[in-house]
Amino acid sequence: MRDPVEILSVGGVVTTVHTPVVVFLTLYLNRKQLPESLQPGWFSLIFMILSGLFFTGFAILYFLDLFGMDF
């Protein structure tokens, strides 16, 4: 790919898929792998879940638009 617009488009797809995965895997690892004394509190847990849901919703809207579906 030599066209900069195509490269940025591919980067957008990768980022859109990558961000919710990173958020939820980080949340999972924090809750399962860290000792209880080092785990994030409820405030952090709630905002991690909210951010994961936001980025998942954003990814769904992005792919609907990418495939030409109206929402």
N, C-alpha and C. Protein backbone atom coordinates (compact mmCIF):
# COMPACT_ATOMS: atom_id res chain seq x y z
N MET A 1 0.84 -1.18 0.00
CA MET A 1 0.00 0.00 0.00
C MET A 1 0.89 1.24 0.00
N ARG A 2 0.76 2.00 -1.02
CA ARG A 2 1.56 3.23 -1.10
C ARG A 2 0.70 4.47 -0.90
N ASP A 3 -0.60 4.32 -0.92
CA ASP A 3 -1.48 5.46 -0.74
C ASP A 3 -1.65 5.76 0.75
N PRO A 4 -1.29 6.97 1.19
CA PRO A 4 -1.37 7.31 2.62
C PRO A 4 -2.79 7.19 3.18
N VAL A 5 -3.79 7.47 2.37
CA VAL A 5 -5.17 7.36 2.84
C VAL A 5 -5.53 5.91 3.15
N GLU A 6 -5.08 4.99 2.31
CA GLU A 6 -5.33 3.57 2.57
C GLU A 6 -4.61 3.12 3.84
N ILE A 7 -3.40 3.59 4.05
CA ILE A 7 -2.64 3.23 5.25
C ILE A 7 -3.37 3.73 6.49
N LEU A 8 -3.86 4.97 6.45
CA LEU A 8 -4.61 5.51 7.58
C LEU A 8 -5.92 4.76 7.79
N SER A 9 -6.56 4.33 6.71
CA SER A 9 -7.80 3.55 6.83
C SER A 9 -7.54 2.21 7.51
N VAL A 10 -6.47 1.55 7.13
CA VAL A 10 -6.11 0.28 7.76
C VAL A 10 -5.78 0.52 9.23
N GLY A 11 -5.07 1.61 9.52
CA GLY A 11 -4.77 1.95 10.91
C GLY A 11 -6.03 2.19 11.71
N GLY A 12 -7.03 2.82 11.11
CA GLY A 12 -8.31 3.04 11.78
C GLY A 12 -9.02 1.74 12.11
N VAL A 13 -8.99 0.79 11.18
CA VAL A 13 -9.62 -0.51 11.43
C VAL A 13 -8.90 -1.24 12.56
N VAL A 14 -7.57 -1.24 12.52
CA VAL A 14 -6.80 -1.92 13.57
C VAL A 14 -7.06 -1.29 14.94
N THR A 15 -7.07 0.02 14.99
CA THR A 15 -7.30 0.72 16.26
C THR A 15 -8.71 0.47 16.78
N THR A 16 -9.68 0.47 15.87
CA THR A 16 -11.07 0.26 16.27
C THR A 16 -11.27 -1.13 16.89
N VAL A 17 -10.61 -2.12 16.34
CA VAL A 17 -10.72 -3.47 16.88
C VAL A 17 -9.86 -3.62 18.14
N HIS A 18 -8.71 -3.01 18.13
CA HIS A 18 -7.71 -3.20 19.18
C HIS A 18 -8.12 -2.57 20.51
N THR A 19 -8.71 -1.39 20.48
CA THR A 19 -8.97 -0.65 21.72
C THR A 19 -9.92 -1.39 22.67
N PRO A 20 -11.10 -1.87 22.23
CA PRO A 20 -11.96 -2.59 23.18
C PRO A 20 -11.31 -3.88 23.70
N VAL A 21 -10.54 -4.54 22.85
CA VAL A 21 -9.87 -5.77 23.28
C VAL A 21 -8.88 -5.45 24.39
N VAL A 22 -8.09 -4.39 24.23
CA VAL A 22 -7.12 -4.02 25.25
C VAL A 22 -7.82 -3.63 26.55
N VAL A 23 -8.90 -2.88 26.46
CA VAL A 23 -9.62 -2.46 27.66
C VAL A 23 -10.14 -3.66 28.43
N PHE A 24 -10.83 -4.58 27.75
CA PHE A 24 -11.42 -5.71 28.46
C PHE A 24 -10.38 -6.73 28.92
N LEU A 25 -9.31 -6.91 28.15
CA LEU A 25 -8.25 -7.82 28.62
C LEU A 25 -7.51 -7.24 29.83
N THR A 26 -7.29 -5.94 29.83
CA THR A 26 -6.67 -5.30 30.99
C THR A 26 -7.57 -5.45 32.21
N LEU A 27 -8.84 -5.24 32.03
CA LEU A 27 -9.80 -5.40 33.12
C LEU A 27 -9.78 -6.84 33.65
N TYR A 28 -9.80 -7.80 32.73
CA TYR A 28 -9.76 -9.21 33.13
C TYR A 28 -8.48 -9.54 33.90
N LEU A 29 -7.34 -9.11 33.35
CA LEU A 29 -6.07 -9.42 34.02
C LEU A 29 -5.97 -8.74 35.37
N ASN A 30 -6.45 -7.50 35.47
CA ASN A 30 -6.43 -6.82 36.76
C ASN A 30 -7.24 -7.56 37.81
N ARG A 31 -8.37 -8.11 37.42
CA ARG A 31 -9.26 -8.77 38.39
C ARG A 31 -8.81 -10.21 38.69
N LYS A 32 -8.15 -10.87 37.75
CA LYS A 32 -7.81 -12.29 37.93
C LYS A 32 -6.37 -12.54 38.32
N GLN A 33 -5.45 -11.69 37.88
CA GLN A 33 -4.04 -11.98 38.09
C GLN A 33 -3.39 -11.19 39.23
N LEU A 34 -3.92 -10.02 39.53
CA LEU A 34 -3.32 -9.22 40.59
C LEU A 34 -3.78 -9.70 41.96
N PRO A 35 -2.91 -9.61 42.95
CA PRO A 35 -3.36 -9.90 44.31
C PRO A 35 -4.45 -8.90 44.70
N GLU A 36 -5.31 -9.30 45.59
CA GLU A 36 -6.45 -8.47 45.96
C GLU A 36 -6.02 -7.09 46.46
N SER A 37 -4.91 -7.03 47.15
CA SER A 37 -4.46 -5.74 47.69
C SER A 37 -4.01 -4.77 46.59
N LEU A 38 -3.69 -5.28 45.41
CA LEU A 38 -3.22 -4.42 44.31
C LEU A 38 -4.28 -4.19 43.24
N GLN A 39 -5.43 -4.83 43.35
CA GLN A 39 -6.47 -4.67 42.35
C GLN A 39 -7.06 -3.27 42.39
N PRO A 40 -7.46 -2.75 41.23
CA PRO A 40 -8.10 -1.44 41.20
C PRO A 40 -9.41 -1.45 41.98
N GLY A 41 -9.80 -0.30 42.48
CA GLY A 41 -11.04 -0.18 43.24
C GLY A 41 -12.26 -0.17 42.35
N TRP A 42 -13.42 -0.01 42.99
CA TRP A 42 -14.69 -0.04 42.27
C TRP A 42 -14.82 1.13 41.30
N PHE A 43 -14.30 2.29 41.69
CA PHE A 43 -14.36 3.46 40.81
C PHE A 43 -13.65 3.16 39.49
N SER A 44 -12.45 2.63 39.56
CA SER A 44 -11.69 2.28 38.35
C SER A 44 -12.38 1.17 37.57
N LEU A 45 -12.92 0.20 38.27
CA LEU A 45 -13.62 -0.91 37.62
C LEU A 45 -14.80 -0.41 36.82
N ILE A 46 -15.60 0.45 37.40
CA ILE A 46 -16.79 0.97 36.72
C ILE A 46 -16.39 1.76 35.48
N PHE A 47 -15.37 2.62 35.60
CA PHE A 47 -14.97 3.42 34.45
C PHE A 47 -14.26 2.60 33.38
N MET A 48 -13.58 1.53 33.75
CA MET A 48 -13.01 0.62 32.74
C MET A 48 -14.12 -0.06 31.96
N ILE A 49 -15.15 -0.52 32.65
CA ILE A 49 -16.28 -1.16 31.98
C ILE A 49 -16.98 -0.16 31.06
N LEU A 50 -17.22 1.05 31.55
CA LEU A 50 -17.87 2.07 30.73
C LEU A 50 -17.04 2.43 29.50
N SER A 51 -15.73 2.54 29.67
CA SER A 51 -14.89 2.87 28.52
C SER A 51 -14.86 1.70 27.53
N GLY A 52 -14.83 0.47 28.03
CA GLY A 52 -14.87 -0.69 27.14
C GLY A 52 -16.16 -0.75 26.35
N LEU A 53 -17.28 -0.46 27.01
CA LEU A 53 -18.57 -0.45 26.31
C LEU A 53 -18.64 0.69 25.29
N PHE A 54 -18.10 1.85 25.66
CA PHE A 54 -18.08 2.97 24.72
C PHE A 54 -17.29 2.62 23.47
N PHE A 55 -16.08 2.08 23.64
CA PHE A 55 -15.25 1.77 22.49
C PHE A 55 -15.81 0.59 21.68
N THR A 56 -16.50 -0.32 22.34
CA THR A 56 -17.17 -1.40 21.60
C THR A 56 -18.30 -0.83 20.75
N GLY A 57 -19.09 0.07 21.32
CA GLY A 57 -20.15 0.73 20.56
C GLY A 57 -19.58 1.54 19.40
N PHE A 58 -18.49 2.25 19.65
CA PHE A 58 -17.84 3.01 18.59
C PHE A 58 -17.36 2.08 17.48
N ALA A 59 -16.81 0.92 17.84
CA ALA A 59 -16.34 -0.04 16.83
C ALA A 59 -17.50 -0.56 16.00
N ILE A 60 -18.63 -0.84 16.64
CA ILE A 60 -19.80 -1.32 15.90
C ILE A 60 -20.27 -0.26 14.91
N LEU A 61 -20.37 0.99 15.37
CA LEU A 61 -20.78 2.07 14.47
C LEU A 61 -19.78 2.27 13.33
N TYR A 62 -18.50 2.15 13.63
CA TYR A 62 -17.45 2.30 12.62
C TYR A 62 -17.61 1.25 11.53
N PHE A 63 -17.81 0.00 11.94
CA PHE A 63 -17.93 -1.07 10.95
C PHE A 63 -19.24 -1.01 10.18
N LEU A 64 -20.31 -0.57 10.84
CA LEU A 64 -21.56 -0.37 10.10
C LEU A 64 -21.38 0.68 9.02
N ASP A 65 -20.70 1.77 9.36
CA ASP A 65 -20.44 2.81 8.37
C ASP A 65 -19.48 2.33 7.30
N LEU A 66 -18.48 1.57 7.69
CA LEU A 66 -17.49 1.06 6.74
C LEU A 66 -18.13 0.17 5.68
N PHE A 67 -19.11 -0.62 6.09
CA PHE A 67 -19.78 -1.53 5.16
C PHE A 67 -21.02 -0.91 4.52
N GLY A 68 -21.20 0.39 4.73
CA GLY A 68 -22.26 1.11 4.05
C GLY A 68 -23.65 0.92 4.62
N MET A 69 -23.75 0.45 5.84
CA MET A 69 -25.05 0.26 6.46
C MET A 69 -25.46 1.54 7.18
N ASP A 70 -26.71 1.93 7.04
CA ASP A 70 -27.20 3.11 7.72
C ASP A 70 -27.59 2.76 9.14
N PHE A 71 -27.40 3.70 10.04
CA PHE A 71 -27.78 3.48 11.44
C PHE A 71 -28.55 4.65 11.97
